[in-house]
Amino acid sequence: MRIAEHGDTGATLARSKVPYLGVSCSRCPHRVLLSAVQLEAHEHDRRPLWRLPLLCRCGSRDVRRVLLDTPDESHAFLAGDDPVKHEGQSNGLWSPSF
């Protein structure tokens, strides 16, 4: 599990073993997994993941994007694990804003 960097694109997500982007809000405890299909990511997608316009249901655009390496990490992420641990985060609902 790692935070998406400037070189990570939609293609990175589409080719991943776990094609889900973990998203957690920096302002409230909400977090979710968004699939490559939901984000319309494909093998030749050059959109940087860090620039995807995501909006938490609390109204915050300050979100952390996390790439998962193994299927077990998806459960850990939803349970509150983060590559960078912050207090007050737990499960929640998300709404991608495009």
N, C-alpha and C. Protein backbone atom coordinates (compact mmCIF):
# COMPACT_ATOMS: atom_id res chain seq x y z
N MET A 1 0.86 -1.17 0.00
CA MET A 1 0.00 0.00 0.00
C MET A 1 0.90 1.23 0.00
N ARG A 2 0.59 2.17 -0.90
CA ARG A 2 1.38 3.40 -0.96
C ARG A 2 0.53 4.55 -1.49
N ILE A 3 0.92 5.74 -1.15
CA ILE A 3 0.21 6.93 -1.63
C ILE A 3 0.55 7.14 -3.09
N ALA A 4 -0.46 7.46 -3.90
CA ALA A 4 -0.26 7.71 -5.33
C ALA A 4 0.66 8.92 -5.50
N GLU A 5 1.63 8.79 -6.40
CA GLU A 5 2.60 9.85 -6.65
C GLU A 5 2.32 10.51 -7.99
N HIS A 6 3.09 11.53 -8.31
CA HIS A 6 2.88 12.29 -9.54
C HIS A 6 3.04 11.44 -10.80
N GLY A 7 3.82 10.37 -10.77
CA GLY A 7 4.01 9.52 -11.94
C GLY A 7 2.93 8.46 -12.13
N ASP A 8 2.04 8.30 -11.16
CA ASP A 8 0.98 7.30 -11.24
C ASP A 8 -0.19 7.83 -12.07
N THR A 9 -0.62 7.02 -13.03
CA THR A 9 -1.70 7.42 -13.94
C THR A 9 -2.84 6.42 -13.89
N GLY A 10 -3.88 6.70 -14.66
CA GLY A 10 -4.98 5.76 -14.78
C GLY A 10 -4.51 4.41 -15.30
N ALA A 11 -3.50 4.42 -16.17
CA ALA A 11 -2.93 3.17 -16.69
C ALA A 11 -2.28 2.37 -15.57
N THR A 12 -1.62 3.04 -14.64
CA THR A 12 -1.01 2.37 -13.48
C THR A 12 -2.09 1.60 -12.72
N LEU A 13 -3.21 2.25 -12.52
CA LEU A 13 -4.32 1.62 -11.80
C LEU A 13 -4.93 0.47 -12.60
N ALA A 14 -5.14 0.67 -13.89
CA ALA A 14 -5.76 -0.35 -14.74
C ALA A 14 -4.89 -1.61 -14.84
N ARG A 15 -3.58 -1.46 -14.80
CA ARG A 15 -2.66 -2.60 -14.91
C ARG A 15 -2.33 -3.25 -13.57
N SER A 16 -2.77 -2.64 -12.50
CA SER A 16 -2.46 -3.11 -11.16
C SER A 16 -3.11 -4.47 -10.87
N LYS A 17 -2.50 -5.26 -9.97
CA LYS A 17 -3.10 -6.52 -9.52
C LYS A 17 -4.41 -6.25 -8.79
N VAL A 18 -4.48 -5.12 -8.12
CA VAL A 18 -5.68 -4.71 -7.39
C VAL A 18 -6.14 -3.39 -8.02
N PRO A 19 -7.08 -3.45 -8.99
CA PRO A 19 -7.47 -2.24 -9.72
C PRO A 19 -8.46 -1.35 -8.97
N TYR A 20 -8.10 -1.03 -7.74
CA TYR A 20 -8.91 -0.14 -6.92
C TYR A 20 -8.02 0.98 -6.37
N LEU A 21 -8.58 2.18 -6.35
CA LEU A 21 -7.89 3.32 -5.76
C LEU A 21 -8.53 3.57 -4.41
N GLY A 22 -7.72 3.49 -3.36
CA GLY A 22 -8.21 3.81 -2.03
C GLY A 22 -8.23 5.33 -1.87
N VAL A 23 -9.33 5.86 -1.36
CA VAL A 23 -9.45 7.30 -1.18
C VAL A 23 -9.90 7.57 0.25
N SER A 24 -9.14 8.42 0.95
CA SER A 24 -9.52 8.79 2.32
C SER A 24 -9.48 10.31 2.45
N CYS A 25 -10.46 10.83 3.16
CA CYS A 25 -10.59 12.27 3.36
C CYS A 25 -9.63 12.73 4.45
N SER A 26 -9.03 13.88 4.25
CA SER A 26 -8.13 14.45 5.26
C SER A 26 -8.88 15.24 6.31
N ARG A 27 -10.16 15.56 6.03
CA ARG A 27 -10.93 16.39 6.95
C ARG A 27 -11.89 15.58 7.82
N CYS A 28 -12.42 14.49 7.28
CA CYS A 28 -13.37 13.67 8.05
C CYS A 28 -12.95 12.19 7.95
N PRO A 29 -13.64 11.29 8.61
CA PRO A 29 -13.20 9.89 8.65
C PRO A 29 -13.61 9.03 7.46
N HIS A 30 -14.17 9.57 6.42
CA HIS A 30 -14.66 8.76 5.31
C HIS A 30 -13.54 8.20 4.44
N ARG A 31 -13.77 6.98 3.95
CA ARG A 31 -12.83 6.33 3.02
C ARG A 31 -13.61 5.35 2.15
N VAL A 32 -13.08 5.07 0.96
CA VAL A 32 -13.74 4.18 0.02
C VAL A 32 -12.72 3.64 -0.96
N LEU A 33 -13.10 2.55 -1.63
CA LEU A 33 -12.31 2.02 -2.74
C LEU A 33 -13.06 2.31 -4.03
N LEU A 34 -12.42 2.97 -4.98
CA LEU A 34 -13.01 3.25 -6.28
C LEU A 34 -12.33 2.35 -7.30
N SER A 35 -13.12 1.64 -8.09
CA SER A 35 -12.56 0.72 -9.08
C SER A 35 -12.06 1.48 -10.30
N ALA A 36 -11.19 0.83 -11.05
CA ALA A 36 -10.70 1.40 -12.31
C ALA A 36 -11.87 1.65 -13.26
N VAL A 37 -12.89 0.80 -13.21
CA VAL A 37 -14.08 0.96 -14.05
C VAL A 37 -14.83 2.23 -13.66
N GLN A 38 -15.02 2.47 -12.37
CA GLN A 38 -15.70 3.67 -11.90
C GLN A 38 -14.96 4.94 -12.33
N LEU A 39 -13.64 4.87 -12.34
CA LEU A 39 -12.83 6.03 -12.71
C LEU A 39 -12.57 6.10 -14.21
N GLU A 40 -13.11 5.12 -14.95
CA GLU A 40 -12.93 5.03 -16.41
C GLU A 40 -11.45 4.98 -16.79
N ALA A 41 -10.67 4.27 -15.98
CA ALA A 41 -9.24 4.11 -16.23
C ALA A 41 -9.05 2.92 -17.18
N HIS A 42 -8.11 3.05 -18.10
CA HIS A 42 -7.81 1.98 -19.04
C HIS A 42 -6.30 1.91 -19.26
N GLU A 43 -5.87 0.94 -20.05
CA GLU A 43 -4.44 0.66 -20.21
C GLU A 43 -3.65 1.84 -20.78
N HIS A 44 -4.27 2.71 -21.55
CA HIS A 44 -3.56 3.83 -22.16
C HIS A 44 -3.95 5.18 -21.53
N ASP A 45 -4.53 5.14 -20.35
CA ASP A 45 -4.99 6.34 -19.66
C ASP A 45 -3.79 7.09 -19.07
N ARG A 46 -3.60 8.33 -19.48
CA ARG A 46 -2.46 9.11 -19.02
C ARG A 46 -2.83 10.15 -17.96
N ARG A 47 -4.07 10.13 -17.47
CA ARG A 47 -4.48 11.10 -16.44
C ARG A 47 -3.76 10.79 -15.13
N PRO A 48 -3.11 11.78 -14.54
CA PRO A 48 -2.45 11.56 -13.25
C PRO A 48 -3.51 11.31 -12.16
N LEU A 49 -3.29 10.28 -11.36
CA LEU A 49 -4.25 9.96 -10.30
C LEU A 49 -4.36 11.07 -9.28
N TRP A 50 -3.28 11.77 -9.01
CA TRP A 50 -3.31 12.82 -8.00
C TRP A 50 -4.13 14.02 -8.44
N ARG A 51 -4.49 14.10 -9.73
CA ARG A 51 -5.28 15.23 -10.22
C ARG A 51 -6.74 14.88 -10.46
N LEU A 52 -7.14 13.64 -10.20
CA LEU A 52 -8.55 13.28 -10.39
C LEU A 52 -9.42 14.11 -9.46
N PRO A 53 -10.49 14.69 -9.97
CA PRO A 53 -11.35 15.55 -9.14
C PRO A 53 -12.29 14.71 -8.26
N LEU A 54 -11.87 14.46 -7.04
CA LEU A 54 -12.66 13.66 -6.11
C LEU A 54 -13.21 14.57 -5.01
N LEU A 55 -14.42 14.29 -4.62
CA LEU A 55 -15.11 15.11 -3.63
C LEU A 55 -15.71 14.21 -2.56
N CYS A 56 -15.36 14.45 -1.31
CA CYS A 56 -15.93 13.71 -0.20
C CYS A 56 -17.34 14.20 0.06
N ARG A 57 -18.15 13.37 0.70
CA ARG A 57 -19.52 13.81 0.99
C ARG A 57 -19.56 14.95 2.01
N CYS A 58 -18.46 15.20 2.72
CA CYS A 58 -18.41 16.34 3.63
C CYS A 58 -18.10 17.64 2.88
N GLY A 59 -17.80 17.52 1.58
CA GLY A 59 -17.52 18.69 0.76
C GLY A 59 -16.04 18.97 0.55
N SER A 60 -15.18 18.21 1.20
CA SER A 60 -13.74 18.43 1.09
C SER A 60 -13.18 17.82 -0.20
N ARG A 61 -12.26 18.54 -0.81
CA ARG A 61 -11.51 18.01 -1.95
C ARG A 61 -10.11 17.57 -1.52
N ASP A 62 -9.81 17.72 -0.24
CA ASP A 62 -8.51 17.35 0.30
C ASP A 62 -8.54 15.86 0.65
N VAL A 63 -8.19 15.02 -0.33
CA VAL A 63 -8.25 13.57 -0.16
C VAL A 63 -6.90 12.95 -0.45
N ARG A 64 -6.67 11.79 0.16
CA ARG A 64 -5.45 11.02 -0.05
C ARG A 64 -5.80 9.86 -0.98
N ARG A 65 -5.00 9.67 -2.03
CA ARG A 65 -5.21 8.59 -2.98
C ARG A 65 -4.17 7.51 -2.71
N VAL A 66 -4.63 6.27 -2.53
CA VAL A 66 -3.75 5.18 -2.12
C VAL A 66 -3.85 4.04 -3.13
N LEU A 67 -2.69 3.55 -3.60
CA LEU A 67 -2.63 2.38 -4.48
C LEU A 67 -2.39 1.14 -3.63
N LEU A 68 -3.11 0.07 -3.94
CA LEU A 68 -3.03 -1.17 -3.18
C LEU A 68 -2.22 -2.20 -3.95
N ASP A 69 -1.38 -2.96 -3.23
CA ASP A 69 -0.52 -3.96 -3.87
C ASP A 69 -1.08 -5.37 -3.82
N THR A 70 -1.85 -5.69 -2.77
CA THR A 70 -2.41 -7.03 -2.63
C THR A 70 -3.89 -6.92 -2.27
N PRO A 71 -4.69 -7.96 -2.57
CA PRO A 71 -6.11 -7.93 -2.21
C PRO A 71 -6.36 -7.74 -0.71
N ASP A 72 -5.48 -8.26 0.13
CA ASP A 72 -5.64 -8.11 1.58
C ASP A 72 -5.56 -6.65 2.02
N GLU A 73 -4.83 -5.85 1.26
CA GLU A 73 -4.67 -4.44 1.63
C GLU A 73 -5.97 -3.67 1.48
N SER A 74 -6.87 -4.13 0.62
CA SER A 74 -8.14 -3.42 0.47
C SER A 74 -8.94 -3.49 1.77
N HIS A 75 -8.95 -4.65 2.41
CA HIS A 75 -9.65 -4.80 3.69
C HIS A 75 -8.96 -3.97 4.77
N ALA A 76 -7.63 -3.99 4.77
CA ALA A 76 -6.88 -3.22 5.76
C ALA A 76 -7.12 -1.72 5.57
N PHE A 77 -7.16 -1.27 4.32
CA PHE A 77 -7.40 0.14 4.05
C PHE A 77 -8.76 0.57 4.56
N LEU A 78 -9.80 -0.22 4.25
CA LEU A 78 -11.14 0.11 4.70
C LEU A 78 -11.27 0.05 6.22
N ALA A 79 -10.44 -0.80 6.86
CA ALA A 79 -10.46 -0.91 8.31
C ALA A 79 -9.72 0.23 8.99
N GLY A 80 -9.01 1.05 8.22
CA GLY A 80 -8.35 2.21 8.82
C GLY A 80 -6.85 2.26 8.63
N ASP A 81 -6.24 1.22 8.07
CA ASP A 81 -4.80 1.25 7.81
C ASP A 81 -4.51 2.26 6.71
N ASP A 82 -3.40 2.93 6.82
CA ASP A 82 -2.98 3.91 5.83
C ASP A 82 -1.46 3.85 5.72
N PRO A 83 -0.91 4.17 4.55
CA PRO A 83 0.55 4.25 4.47
C PRO A 83 1.07 5.35 5.40
N VAL A 84 0.29 6.41 5.57
CA VAL A 84 0.60 7.48 6.51
C VAL A 84 -0.58 7.54 7.45
N LYS A 85 -0.38 7.17 8.70
CA LYS A 85 -1.47 7.06 9.66
C LYS A 85 -1.92 8.43 10.15
N HIS A 86 -3.23 8.67 10.10
CA HIS A 86 -3.83 9.89 10.61
C HIS A 86 -4.99 9.49 11.52
N GLU A 87 -5.17 10.21 12.60
CA GLU A 87 -6.24 9.88 13.54
C GLU A 87 -7.60 10.26 12.97
N GLY A 88 -8.62 9.56 13.42
CA GLY A 88 -9.99 9.93 13.09
C GLY A 88 -10.49 9.41 11.76
N GLN A 89 -9.85 8.43 11.15
CA GLN A 89 -10.32 7.92 9.87
C GLN A 89 -10.94 6.54 10.05
N SER A 90 -12.05 6.33 9.37
CA SER A 90 -12.72 5.03 9.40
C SER A 90 -13.50 4.87 8.12
N ASN A 91 -14.36 3.87 8.05
CA ASN A 91 -15.14 3.64 6.83
C ASN A 91 -16.11 4.78 6.58
N GLY A 92 -16.48 4.96 5.30
CA GLY A 92 -17.43 6.00 4.95
C GLY A 92 -17.83 5.87 3.50
N LEU A 93 -18.73 6.71 3.08
CA LEU A 93 -19.20 6.70 1.70
C LEU A 93 -18.58 7.83 0.92
N TRP A 94 -18.43 7.62 -0.39
CA TRP A 94 -17.79 8.60 -1.25
C TRP A 94 -18.64 8.88 -2.47
N SER A 95 -18.38 10.01 -3.07
CA SER A 95 -19.02 10.38 -4.32
C SER A 95 -17.98 11.02 -5.21
N PRO A 96 -17.50 10.32 -6.24
CA PRO A 96 -16.54 10.96 -7.13
C PRO A 96 -17.25 12.08 -7.90
N SER A 97 -16.57 13.17 -8.03
CA SER A 97 -17.13 14.33 -8.72
C SER A 97 -16.36 14.54 -10.01
N PHE A 98 -17.00 14.39 -11.14
CA PHE A 98 -16.32 14.55 -12.42
C PHE A 98 -16.90 15.69 -13.18
